[in-house]
Amino acid sequence: MSDVTYEQTLALAGICQAGSLIQQLARTGRVDMDKVAETFTWVLNTNPASTEDVFGSEKAVEQGFTIIHDQLGHKSHKKDAELTRYVLSLLSLERKLAKNKLALQRLAKGIDNAERQLTHYEITDEQIITSLAGLYSDVISPLGPKIQIIGNPHLLQQKSVQNKIRAILLAGMRAAVLWRQLGGKRRNIVFRRNKWVSFSAQALHKFNQIN
């Protein structure tokens, strides 16, 4: 069985953080737009210099590291089954994407178009969000069962909330692609949980030292 690495943990933190942002939006309709802006950059950073460069910095996914640490670690900490479902659903969709050459080509073309739009719009402009959301709806979503988002029904009927959620799901897919490229295995999430927790604790300790 392949081993777990810190870089894999970093990528998994990105997936977890995307899931958490989706939860916040679906339940409250409010989210830190600076954090959302960071998340959208993951999608558009197609030629990163390193794993860390995809996210901008390790600290950018601190929330994701905390989720890994709490979900896979502390026995006393209440587990979030809904968030776990979002993460596993993204990993499942990514496996289907990796096997679909046409979908990969369409996704790459769509990302190029979104990058060109950045010369005219801010990354959190509705035009960019709509483009990213459309990519998820048109290319990713048809690959498998739709991810059922739980939240406030009134909020989930709003187009702006729907688009933000889909755009963040696309960012979660970006992190899932990275996770697989780094050798991530779904079975290791269960069988090597101590490794994930250890690497997450290492990162969180580093951030506390920085603070």
C-alpha atoms as a PDB file:
ATOM      1  CA  MET A   1       0.000   0.000   0.000  1.00  0.00           C
ATOM      2  CA  SER A   2       1.375   3.396  -0.961  1.00  0.00           C
ATOM      3  CA  ASP A   3       2.267   5.702   1.886  1.00  0.00           C
ATOM      4  CA  VAL A   4       0.656   9.010   2.779  1.00  0.00           C
ATOM      5  CA  THR A   5       2.700  12.174   2.229  1.00  0.00           C
ATOM      6  CA  TYR A   6       2.499  15.725   3.506  1.00  0.00           C
ATOM      7  CA  GLU A   7       1.774  16.972  -0.016  1.00  0.00           C
ATOM      8  CA  GLN A   8      -1.184  14.584  -0.308  1.00  0.00           C
ATOM      9  CA  THR A   9      -2.433  15.932   3.032  1.00  0.00           C
ATOM     10  CA  LEU A  10      -2.138  19.469   1.690  1.00  0.00           C
ATOM     11  CA  ALA A  11      -4.245  18.555  -1.347  1.00  0.00           C
ATOM     12  CA  LEU A  12      -6.824  16.772   0.824  1.00  0.00           C
ATOM     13  CA  ALA A  13      -6.992  19.883   3.012  1.00  0.00           C
ATOM     14  CA  GLY A  14      -7.968  21.829  -0.093  1.00  0.00           C
ATOM     15  CA  ILE A  15     -10.829  19.423  -0.840  1.00  0.00           C
ATOM     16  CA  CYS A  16     -12.028  19.581   2.769  1.00  0.00           C
ATOM     17  CA  GLN A  17     -11.884  23.362   2.818  1.00  0.00           C
ATOM     18  CA  ALA A  18     -13.925  23.595  -0.375  1.00  0.00           C
ATOM     19  CA  GLY A  19     -16.539  21.331   1.215  1.00  0.00           C
ATOM     20  CA  SER A  20     -16.643  23.508   4.303  1.00  0.00           C
ATOM     21  CA  LEU A  21     -17.143  26.698   2.267  1.00  0.00           C
ATOM     22  CA  ILE A  22     -20.033  25.011   0.456  1.00  0.00           C
ATOM     23  CA  GLN A  23     -21.608  24.120   3.803  1.00  0.00           C
ATOM     24  CA  GLN A  24     -21.378  27.729   4.969  1.00  0.00           C
ATOM     25  CA  LEU A  25     -22.953  29.050   1.793  1.00  0.00           C
ATOM     26  CA  ALA A  26     -25.747  26.473   1.736  1.00  0.00           C
ATOM     27  CA  ARG A  27     -26.662  27.032   5.377  1.00  0.00           C
ATOM     28  CA  THR A  28     -26.200  30.779   5.808  1.00  0.00           C
ATOM     29  CA  GLY A  29     -25.730  32.341   2.379  1.00  0.00           C
ATOM     30  CA  ARG A  30     -22.683  34.121   3.813  1.00  0.00           C
ATOM     31  CA  VAL A  31     -19.031  33.312   3.287  1.00  0.00           C
ATOM     32  CA  ASP A  32     -15.662  35.071   3.427  1.00  0.00           C
ATOM     33  CA  MET A  33     -15.302  36.295  -0.156  1.00  0.00           C
ATOM     34  CA  ASP A  34     -11.545  36.727   0.247  1.00  0.00           C
ATOM     35  CA  LYS A  35     -11.371  33.005   1.018  1.00  0.00           C
ATOM     36  CA  VAL A  36     -13.650  32.270  -1.919  1.00  0.00           C
ATOM     37  CA  ALA A  37     -11.407  34.356  -4.192  1.00  0.00           C
ATOM     38  CA  GLU A  38      -8.396  32.303  -3.054  1.00  0.00           C
ATOM     39  CA  THR A  39     -10.352  29.140  -3.770  1.00  0.00           C
ATOM     40  CA  PHE A  40     -11.188  30.194  -7.326  1.00  0.00           C
ATOM     41  CA  THR A  41      -7.492  30.794  -8.050  1.00  0.00           C
ATOM     42  CA  TRP A  42      -6.867  27.059  -7.541  1.00  0.00           C
ATOM     43  CA  VAL A  43      -8.839  26.342 -10.704  1.00  0.00           C
ATOM     44  CA  LEU A  44      -6.998  28.910 -12.790  1.00  0.00           C
ATOM     45  CA  ASN A  45      -3.517  27.973 -11.565  1.00  0.00           C
ATOM     46  CA  THR A  46      -2.894  25.255 -14.129  1.00  0.00           C
ATOM     47  CA  ASN A  47       0.920  25.443 -14.128  1.00  0.00           C
ATOM     48  CA  PRO A  48       1.931  25.630 -10.459  1.00  0.00           C
ATOM     49  CA  ALA A  49       5.564  25.579  -9.405  1.00  0.00           C
ATOM     50  CA  SER A  50       4.737  23.286  -6.480  1.00  0.00           C
ATOM     51  CA  THR A  51       1.850  21.707  -4.590  1.00  0.00           C
ATOM     52  CA  GLU A  52       1.812  24.647  -2.201  1.00  0.00           C
ATOM     53  CA  ASP A  53       1.686  27.070  -5.140  1.00  0.00           C
ATOM     54  CA  VAL A  54      -1.714  25.709  -6.212  1.00  0.00           C
ATOM     55  CA  PHE A  55      -3.231  27.109  -3.020  1.00  0.00           C
ATOM     56  CA  GLY A  56      -1.011  30.152  -2.716  1.00  0.00           C
ATOM     57  CA  SER A  57       0.378  28.964   0.607  1.00  0.00           C
ATOM     58  CA  GLU A  58      -0.064  26.136   3.100  1.00  0.00           C
ATOM     59  CA  LYS A  59      -1.786  28.495   5.514  1.00  0.00           C
ATOM     60  CA  ALA A  60      -4.400  29.270   2.870  1.00  0.00           C
ATOM     61  CA  VAL A  61      -5.929  25.850   3.603  1.00  0.00           C
ATOM     62  CA  GLU A  62      -5.520  25.967   7.382  1.00  0.00           C
ATOM     63  CA  GLN A  63      -9.229  25.312   7.799  1.00  0.00           C
ATOM     64  CA  GLY A  64      -8.857  22.169   5.690  1.00  0.00           C
ATOM     65  CA  PHE A  65      -6.012  20.898   7.863  1.00  0.00           C
ATOM     66  CA  THR A  66      -8.187  21.471  10.929  1.00  0.00           C
ATOM     67  CA  ILE A  67     -11.010  19.464   9.357  1.00  0.00           C
ATOM     68  CA  ILE A  68      -8.687  16.529   8.624  1.00  0.00           C
ATOM     69  CA  HIS A  69      -7.309  16.649  12.148  1.00  0.00           C
ATOM     70  CA  ASP A  70     -10.768  16.706  13.736  1.00  0.00           C
ATOM     71  CA  GLN A  71     -12.550  14.324  11.362  1.00  0.00           C
ATOM     72  CA  LEU A  72      -9.889  11.624  11.327  1.00  0.00           C
ATOM     73  CA  GLY A  73      -8.367  12.280  14.724  1.00  0.00           C
ATOM     74  CA  HIS A  74      -9.951  13.221  18.044  1.00  0.00           C
ATOM     75  CA  LYS A  75     -12.382  10.471  19.001  1.00  0.00           C
ATOM     76  CA  SER A  76     -14.306  12.925  21.156  1.00  0.00           C
ATOM     77  CA  HIS A  77     -14.847  15.342  18.284  1.00  0.00           C
ATOM     78  CA  LYS A  78     -18.241  15.006  16.599  1.00  0.00           C
ATOM     79  CA  LYS A  79     -17.788  13.802  13.036  1.00  0.00           C
ATOM     80  CA  ASP A  80     -19.413  15.680  10.182  1.00  0.00           C
ATOM     81  CA  ALA A  81     -20.996  13.063   7.918  1.00  0.00           C
ATOM     82  CA  GLU A  82     -22.291  15.686   5.487  1.00  0.00           C
ATOM     83  CA  LEU A  83     -18.835  17.180   4.918  1.00  0.00           C
ATOM     84  CA  THR A  84     -17.336  13.704   4.555  1.00  0.00           C
ATOM     85  CA  ARG A  85     -19.921  12.952   1.856  1.00  0.00           C
ATOM     86  CA  TYR A  86     -18.960  16.095  -0.071  1.00  0.00           C
ATOM     87  CA  VAL A  87     -15.270  15.145   0.040  1.00  0.00           C
ATOM     88  CA  LEU A  88     -15.830  11.531  -1.030  1.00  0.00           C
ATOM     89  CA  SER A  89     -18.231  12.616  -3.789  1.00  0.00           C
ATOM     90  CA  LEU A  90     -15.610  14.969  -5.222  1.00  0.00           C
ATOM     91  CA  LEU A  91     -12.995  12.215  -5.133  1.00  0.00           C
ATOM     92  CA  SER A  92     -15.404   9.866  -6.911  1.00  0.00           C
ATOM     93  CA  LEU A  93     -16.187  12.433  -9.619  1.00  0.00           C
ATOM     94  CA  GLU A  94     -12.485  13.113 -10.122  1.00  0.00           C
ATOM     95  CA  ARG A  95     -11.858   9.443 -10.864  1.00  0.00           C
ATOM     96  CA  LYS A  96     -14.491   9.594 -13.577  1.00  0.00           C
ATOM     97  CA  LEU A  97     -13.025  12.831 -14.951  1.00  0.00           C
ATOM     98  CA  ALA A  98      -9.542  11.314 -15.149  1.00  0.00           C
ATOM     99  CA  LYS A  99     -10.899   8.566 -17.441  1.00  0.00           C
ATOM    100  CA  ASN A 100     -12.819  10.902 -19.756  1.00  0.00           C
ATOM    101  CA  LYS A 101     -10.536  12.549 -22.311  1.00  0.00           C
ATOM    102  CA  LEU A 102     -13.302  14.612 -23.890  1.00  0.00           C
ATOM    103  CA  ALA A 103     -14.341  16.019 -20.522  1.00  0.00           C
ATOM    104  CA  LEU A 104     -10.710  16.875 -19.725  1.00  0.00           C
ATOM    105  CA  GLN A 105     -10.370  18.709 -23.034  1.00  0.00           C
ATOM    106  CA  ARG A 106     -13.596  20.656 -22.474  1.00  0.00           C
ATOM    107  CA  LEU A 107     -12.508  21.516 -18.946  1.00  0.00           C
ATOM    108  CA  ALA A 108      -9.106  22.796 -20.102  1.00  0.00           C
ATOM    109  CA  LYS A 109     -10.727  24.932 -22.796  1.00  0.00           C
ATOM    110  CA  GLY A 110     -13.219  26.358 -20.306  1.00  0.00           C
ATOM    111  CA  ILE A 111     -10.483  27.216 -17.817  1.00  0.00           C
ATOM    112  CA  ASP A 112      -8.545  29.010 -20.575  1.00  0.00           C
ATOM    113  CA  ASN A 113     -11.644  31.065 -21.367  1.00  0.00           C
ATOM    114  CA  ALA A 114     -12.113  31.956 -17.693  1.00  0.00           C
ATOM    115  CA  GLU A 115      -8.464  33.026 -17.475  1.00  0.00           C
ATOM    116  CA  ARG A 116      -8.940  35.381 -20.423  1.00  0.00           C
ATOM    117  CA  GLN A 117     -11.948  36.935 -18.691  1.00  0.00           C
ATOM    118  CA  LEU A 118      -9.705  37.942 -15.794  1.00  0.00           C
ATOM    119  CA  THR A 119      -8.284  40.718 -17.978  1.00  0.00           C
ATOM    120  CA  HIS A 120     -11.692  42.398 -17.737  1.00  0.00           C
ATOM    121  CA  TYR A 121     -13.178  41.188 -14.447  1.00  0.00           C
ATOM    122  CA  GLU A 122     -12.175  40.562 -10.835  1.00  0.00           C
ATOM    123  CA  ILE A 123     -12.032  36.883  -9.882  1.00  0.00           C
ATOM    124  CA  THR A 124     -15.142  37.214  -7.697  1.00  0.00           C
ATOM    125  CA  ASP A 125     -17.125  39.085 -10.357  1.00  0.00           C
ATOM    126  CA  GLU A 126     -20.416  37.424 -11.261  1.00  0.00           C
ATOM    127  CA  GLN A 127     -19.121  36.876 -14.800  1.00  0.00           C
ATOM    128  CA  ILE A 128     -16.205  34.745 -13.578  1.00  0.00           C
ATOM    129  CA  ILE A 129     -18.318  32.896 -11.026  1.00  0.00           C
ATOM    130  CA  THR A 130     -20.913  32.132 -13.689  1.00  0.00           C
ATOM    131  CA  SER A 131     -18.221  30.803 -16.035  1.00  0.00           C
ATOM    132  CA  LEU A 132     -16.737  28.523 -13.368  1.00  0.00           C
ATOM    133  CA  ALA A 133     -20.175  27.359 -12.262  1.00  0.00           C
ATOM    134  CA  GLY A 134     -21.081  26.607 -15.872  1.00  0.00           C
ATOM    135  CA  LEU A 135     -17.937  24.524 -16.280  1.00  0.00           C
ATOM    136  CA  TYR A 136     -18.888  22.438 -13.283  1.00  0.00           C
ATOM    137  CA  SER A 137     -22.500  22.026 -14.466  1.00  0.00           C
ATOM    138  CA  ASP A 138     -21.634  21.242 -18.087  1.00  0.00           C
ATOM    139  CA  VAL A 139     -18.467  19.158 -17.727  1.00  0.00           C
ATOM    140  CA  ILE A 140     -18.149  17.718 -14.215  1.00  0.00           C
ATOM    141  CA  SER A 141     -21.688  17.181 -12.974  1.00  0.00           C
ATOM    142  CA  PRO A 142     -22.779  14.865 -15.842  1.00  0.00           C
ATOM    143  CA  LEU A 143     -19.919  12.448 -15.047  1.00  0.00           C
ATOM    144  CA  GLY A 144     -21.703  10.862 -12.088  1.00  0.00           C
ATOM    145  CA  PRO A 145     -24.487  11.179  -9.526  1.00  0.00           C
ATOM    146  CA  LYS A 146     -25.155  14.804  -8.610  1.00  0.00           C
ATOM    147  CA  ILE A 147     -23.766  15.909  -5.261  1.00  0.00           C
ATOM    148  CA  GLN A 148     -26.780  16.661  -3.074  1.00  0.00           C
ATOM    149  CA  ILE A 149     -26.151  19.914  -1.212  1.00  0.00           C
ATOM    150  CA  ILE A 150     -27.903  20.251   2.139  1.00  0.00           C
ATOM    151  CA  GLY A 151     -28.870  23.675   3.444  1.00  0.00           C
ATOM    152  CA  ASN A 152     -31.493  26.386   3.625  1.00  0.00           C
ATOM    153  CA  PRO A 153     -33.982  25.678   0.784  1.00  0.00           C
ATOM    154  CA  HIS A 154     -34.657  29.393   0.287  1.00  0.00           C
ATOM    155  CA  LEU A 155     -30.940  30.095  -0.174  1.00  0.00           C
ATOM    156  CA  LEU A 156     -30.373  27.092  -2.422  1.00  0.00           C
ATOM    157  CA  GLN A 157     -33.032  28.403  -4.815  1.00  0.00           C
ATOM    158  CA  GLN A 158     -31.053  31.603  -5.376  1.00  0.00           C
ATOM    159  CA  LYS A 159     -29.048  31.586  -8.596  1.00  0.00           C
ATOM    160  CA  SER A 160     -26.142  33.517  -7.085  1.00  0.00           C
ATOM    161  CA  VAL A 161     -25.778  30.973  -4.276  1.00  0.00           C
ATOM    162  CA  GLN A 162     -26.069  28.064  -6.723  1.00  0.00           C
ATOM    163  CA  ASN A 163     -23.329  29.538  -8.910  1.00  0.00           C
ATOM    164  CA  LYS A 164     -20.965  30.123  -5.996  1.00  0.00           C
ATOM    165  CA  ILE A 165     -21.485  26.562  -4.770  1.00  0.00           C
ATOM    166  CA  ARG A 166     -20.817  25.097  -8.218  1.00  0.00           C
ATOM    167  CA  ALA A 167     -17.730  27.259  -8.688  1.00  0.00           C
ATOM    168  CA  ILE A 168     -16.381  26.106  -5.304  1.00  0.00           C
ATOM    169  CA  LEU A 169     -17.161  22.496  -6.235  1.00  0.00           C
ATOM    170  CA  LEU A 170     -14.993  23.038  -9.323  1.00  0.00           C
ATOM    171  CA  ALA A 171     -12.191  24.278  -7.061  1.00  0.00           C
ATOM    172  CA  GLY A 172     -12.668  21.182  -4.926  1.00  0.00           C
ATOM    173  CA  MET A 173     -12.264  19.106  -8.079  1.00  0.00           C
ATOM    174  CA  ARG A 174      -8.996  20.925  -8.805  1.00  0.00           C
ATOM    175  CA  ALA A 175      -7.714  19.884  -5.399  1.00  0.00           C
ATOM    176  CA  ALA A 176      -8.965  16.323  -6.015  1.00  0.00           C
ATOM    177  CA  VAL A 177      -7.059  16.161  -9.312  1.00  0.00           C
ATOM    178  CA  LEU A 178      -3.932  17.302  -7.500  1.00  0.00           C
ATOM    179  CA  TRP A 179      -4.507  14.728  -4.745  1.00  0.00           C
ATOM    180  CA  ARG A 180      -4.647  11.891  -7.272  1.00  0.00           C
ATOM    181  CA  GLN A 181      -1.596  13.203  -9.156  1.00  0.00           C
ATOM    182  CA  LEU A 182       0.321  13.091  -5.868  1.00  0.00           C
ATOM    183  CA  GLY A 183      -0.604   9.433  -5.359  1.00  0.00           C
ATOM    184  CA  GLY A 184      -3.630   9.883  -3.103  1.00  0.00           C
ATOM    185  CA  LYS A 185      -5.682   6.719  -2.538  1.00  0.00           C
ATOM    186  CA  ARG A 186      -9.192   6.696  -1.079  1.00  0.00           C
ATOM    187  CA  ARG A 187      -8.508   3.535   0.904  1.00  0.00           C
ATOM    188  CA  ASN A 188      -5.628   5.293   2.657  1.00  0.00           C
ATOM    189  CA  ILE A 189      -8.047   7.808   4.161  1.00  0.00           C
ATOM    190  CA  VAL A 190      -9.346   4.972   6.330  1.00  0.00           C
ATOM    191  CA  PHE A 191      -6.320   2.706   6.710  1.00  0.00           C
ATOM    192  CA  ARG A 192      -3.686   5.410   7.161  1.00  0.00           C
ATOM    193  CA  ARG A 193      -5.719   7.912   9.156  1.00  0.00           C
ATOM    194  CA  ASN A 194      -2.961   8.380  11.740  1.00  0.00           C
ATOM    195  CA  LYS A 195      -0.681   9.666   8.991  1.00  0.00           C
ATOM    196  CA  TRP A 196      -3.213  12.254   7.828  1.00  0.00           C
ATOM    197  CA  VAL A 197      -3.763  13.395  11.412  1.00  0.00           C
ATOM    198  CA  SER A 198      -0.024  13.594  12.076  1.00  0.00           C
ATOM    199  CA  PHE A 199       0.684  15.700   8.986  1.00  0.00           C
ATOM    200  CA  SER A 200      -2.292  17.962   9.761  1.00  0.00           C
ATOM    201  CA  ALA A 201      -1.070  18.455  13.323  1.00  0.00           C
ATOM    202  CA  GLN A 202       2.378  19.294  11.936  1.00  0.00           C
ATOM    203  CA  ALA A 203       0.900  21.984   9.687  1.00  0.00           C
ATOM    204  CA  LEU A 204      -1.351  23.451  12.384  1.00  0.00           C
ATOM    205  CA  HIS A 205       1.577  23.608  14.822  1.00  0.00           C
ATOM    206  CA  LYS A 206       3.576  25.482  12.177  1.00  0.00           C
ATOM    207  CA  PHE A 207       0.773  27.998  11.682  1.00  0.00           C
ATOM    208  CA  ASN A 208       0.495  28.593  15.414  1.00  0.00           C
ATOM    209  CA  GLN A 209       4.217  29.268  15.524  1.00  0.00           C
ATOM    210  CA  ILE A 210       3.762  31.789  12.704  1.00  0.00           C
ATOM    211  CA  ASN A 211       0.877  33.487  14.530  1.00  0.00           C
END
